Amino acid sequence: MASYNRVVLLGNVTRDPELRYISNGTAVTDIGLAMNERRKTPSGEWVEETTFVDVTLWGRTAEVAGEYVTKGSPLLIEGRLKLDTWEKDGKKNSKLKVIGDRMQLLGSRAGDAPRPGDAPRPAGAKAGAARGAGEKRAGGYQSSGSANDEYDQSASYDGGSIGGSGGAGSDDDIPF
């Protein structure tokens, strides 16, 4: 049987990340992420539920998080679930957490003005090109744990028809 383990989370960071390095020099950081869900109960009242998830980031992604992420930052994480198990005082414990493969910062900083140390960009250069591994795309900084991972989220809708209705013969802008 095939299996698939992917998680996409969008939430706010619950504490400042603490960047550390393991014995072989690899960067690692743990962050907490809070996601709010607002729903209506059968009685008609609105309730808000918060889900807290621990996320572990490795390598350059961990370094970018340590440099740019603070408590309260909106953050998009893509990764996989991992079950940690351990025994303490004769009692077996387990915890489900996320290993983050990709991270994208969603907030902006004070108008996103250039920071000290940023090199000037020639006209037409990609935004964020002077920022190193964290590349500015679609309103945030994106970092990926893998150098081979060339995922471009900057693609935009080209106006074509989706699902067979709307599109060229339609007088509205909605593609469905």
Protein backbone atom coordinates (compact mmCIF):
# COMPACT_ATOMS: atom_id res chain seq x y z
CA MET A 1 0.00 0.00 0.00
CA ALA A 2 1.30 3.45 -0.89
CA SER A 3 1.60 6.18 1.70
CA TYR A 4 1.74 9.95 1.59
CA ASN A 5 2.79 12.16 4.50
CA ARG A 6 2.48 15.92 3.80
CA VAL A 7 1.24 18.73 6.01
CA VAL A 8 0.60 22.38 5.18
CA LEU A 9 0.09 24.73 8.12
CA LEU A 10 -0.66 28.45 8.22
CA GLY A 11 -0.59 30.09 11.62
CA ASN A 12 1.20 32.37 14.05
CA VAL A 13 4.44 31.57 15.85
CA THR A 14 3.88 31.08 19.61
CA ARG A 15 7.44 31.75 20.83
CA ASP A 16 10.72 33.12 19.54
CA PRO A 17 12.77 30.36 17.88
CA GLU A 18 15.97 29.27 19.61
CA LEU A 19 18.52 28.33 16.97
CA ARG A 20 21.06 25.68 17.95
CA TYR A 21 23.61 23.55 16.16
CA ILE A 22 24.05 19.80 16.61
CA SER A 23 27.48 18.14 16.82
CA ASN A 24 27.96 17.88 13.04
CA GLY A 25 27.25 21.63 12.59
CA THR A 26 23.68 21.32 11.27
CA ALA A 27 21.31 24.08 12.38
CA VAL A 28 18.05 23.08 14.08
CA THR A 29 15.25 25.06 15.68
CA ASP A 30 11.91 24.19 17.22
CA ILE A 31 8.99 26.57 16.92
CA GLY A 32 5.39 26.44 18.03
CA LEU A 33 2.61 27.32 15.61
CA ALA A 34 -0.96 28.25 16.56
CA MET A 35 -3.83 27.91 14.09
CA ASN A 36 -7.25 29.37 14.87
CA GLU A 37 -10.50 27.95 13.55
CA ARG A 38 -13.76 29.79 13.95
CA ARG A 39 -16.94 27.80 13.55
CA LYS A 40 -20.61 27.95 14.38
CA THR A 41 -22.08 25.51 16.88
CA PRO A 42 -25.45 23.83 16.25
CA SER A 43 -26.98 26.36 18.66
CA GLY A 44 -25.79 29.19 16.39
CA GLU A 45 -23.04 30.69 18.53
CA TRP A 46 -19.54 31.25 17.20
CA VAL A 47 -16.63 29.51 18.93
CA GLU A 48 -12.94 29.82 18.24
CA GLU A 49 -10.66 26.84 18.68
CA THR A 50 -6.89 27.06 18.64
CA THR A 51 -4.65 24.15 17.65
CA PHE A 52 -1.01 24.22 18.73
CA VAL A 53 1.60 22.29 16.75
CA ASP A 54 5.34 21.91 17.35
CA VAL A 55 7.50 22.24 14.23
CA THR A 56 11.19 21.33 13.85
CA LEU A 57 13.22 23.04 11.13
CA TRP A 58 16.65 21.93 9.93
CA GLY A 59 19.57 23.39 7.98
CA ARG A 60 19.30 26.72 6.21
CA THR A 61 15.55 26.85 6.89
CA ALA A 62 16.30 26.78 10.63
CA GLU A 63 18.87 29.57 10.24
CA VAL A 64 16.40 31.76 8.32
CA ALA A 65 13.77 31.13 11.01
CA GLY A 66 16.26 32.05 13.73
CA GLU A 67 17.08 35.30 11.95
CA TYR A 68 13.65 36.49 10.75
CA VAL A 69 10.91 34.74 12.75
CA THR A 70 9.63 36.17 16.02
CA LYS A 71 6.72 35.42 18.32
CA GLY A 72 3.47 36.34 16.56
CA SER A 73 4.90 36.13 13.02
CA PRO A 74 2.45 34.68 10.46
CA LEU A 75 4.11 31.65 8.91
CA LEU A 76 3.38 28.99 6.30
CA ILE A 77 5.02 25.62 6.89
CA GLU A 78 5.06 22.61 4.59
CA GLY A 79 6.41 19.37 5.95
CA ARG A 80 5.66 15.89 7.22
CA LEU A 81 4.30 14.37 10.41
CA LYS A 82 6.63 12.50 12.74
CA LEU A 83 5.75 10.57 15.88
CA ASP A 84 8.35 10.88 18.64
CA THR A 85 8.25 8.25 21.37
CA TRP A 86 10.29 8.07 24.57
CA GLU A 87 10.18 6.52 28.00
CA LYS A 88 10.48 8.57 31.18
CA ASP A 89 10.17 7.21 34.71
CA GLY A 90 8.89 3.89 33.33
CA LYS A 91 6.07 5.62 31.45
CA LYS A 92 5.88 5.56 27.65
CA ASN A 93 5.26 8.97 26.06
CA SER A 94 4.61 10.03 22.51
CA LYS A 95 4.13 13.29 20.65
CA LEU A 96 3.11 14.02 17.10
CA LYS A 97 5.04 16.91 15.54
CA VAL A 98 5.85 18.35 12.13
CA ILE A 99 9.26 18.26 10.45
CA GLY A 100 9.21 21.41 8.32
CA ASP A 101 10.71 21.05 4.86
CA ARG A 102 9.66 24.50 3.61
CA MET A 103 8.87 27.75 5.31
CA GLN A 104 7.46 31.00 4.02
CA LEU A 105 7.25 34.19 6.05
CA LEU A 106 3.99 35.94 5.30
CA GLY A 107 4.23 39.29 7.11
CA SER A 108 6.05 42.37 5.94
CA ARG A 109 8.51 44.44 7.88
CA ALA A 110 8.01 48.19 8.18
CA GLY A 111 7.13 48.65 4.53
CA ASP A 112 9.74 46.06 3.47
CA ALA A 113 12.42 48.73 3.12
CA PRO A 114 15.95 47.54 2.31
CA ARG A 115 17.89 46.39 5.36
CA PRO A 116 21.46 47.35 6.22
CA GLY A 117 23.81 45.05 4.34
CA ASP A 118 21.44 44.45 1.40
CA ALA A 119 23.16 44.98 -1.92
CA PRO A 120 21.36 47.25 -4.39
CA ARG A 121 19.46 45.36 -7.10
CA PRO A 122 19.66 46.21 -10.80
CA ALA A 123 16.34 47.09 -12.43
CA GLY A 124 14.32 43.99 -13.26
CA ALA A 125 16.10 41.77 -10.72
CA LYS A 126 13.98 39.44 -8.63
CA ALA A 127 12.85 40.96 -5.36
CA GLY A 128 14.86 39.52 -2.51
CA ALA A 129 17.75 38.40 -4.71
CA ALA A 130 20.22 40.11 -2.37
CA ARG A 131 18.79 38.26 0.63
CA GLY A 132 20.51 34.90 0.08
CA ALA A 133 18.64 31.63 0.62
CA GLY A 134 15.48 33.35 1.86
CA GLU A 135 13.92 34.59 -1.37
CA LYS A 136 11.09 37.11 -1.46
CA ARG A 137 8.06 35.74 -3.26
CA ALA A 138 4.39 36.64 -3.13
CA GLY A 139 4.64 38.92 -0.13
CA GLY A 140 6.96 36.86 2.04
CA TYR A 141 10.31 35.19 2.40
CA GLN A 142 10.55 31.58 1.40
CA SER A 143 13.18 29.14 2.48
CA SER A 144 13.49 25.52 1.50
CA GLY A 145 15.52 22.81 3.16
CA SER A 146 16.64 21.35 -0.17
CA ALA A 147 18.83 22.99 -2.80
CA ASN A 148 17.21 20.80 -5.49
CA ASP A 149 13.71 21.98 -4.64
CA GLU A 150 12.84 24.56 -7.30
CA TYR A 151 9.21 25.23 -6.42
CA ASP A 152 7.98 28.57 -7.79
CA GLN A 153 4.93 29.97 -6.06
CA SER A 154 5.02 33.20 -8.04
CA ALA A 155 2.91 31.83 -10.91
CA SER A 156 -0.28 33.77 -11.43
CA TYR A 157 -3.63 33.04 -13.01
CA ASP A 158 -3.48 33.76 -16.75
CA GLY A 159 -7.21 34.29 -17.29
CA GLY A 160 -7.92 30.94 -18.95
CA SER A 161 -11.07 28.99 -18.26
CA ILE A 162 -11.18 26.49 -15.42
CA GLY A 163 -13.82 23.80 -15.28
CA GLY A 164 -15.40 24.60 -18.64
CA SER A 165 -17.65 27.50 -17.60
CA GLY A 166 -16.80 31.20 -17.55
CA GLY A 167 -13.62 32.22 -19.35
CA ALA A 168 -13.52 33.84 -22.79
CA GLY A 169 -17.26 33.97 -23.47
CA SER A 170 -18.18 35.22 -20.02
CA ASP A 171 -18.66 38.86 -19.06
CA ASP A 172 -17.32 38.42 -15.50
CA ASP A 173 -13.81 37.89 -14.18
CA ILE A 174 -14.55 34.75 -12.17
CA PRO A 175 -12.97 31.69 -13.85
CA PHE A 176 -15.67 29.22 -12.76
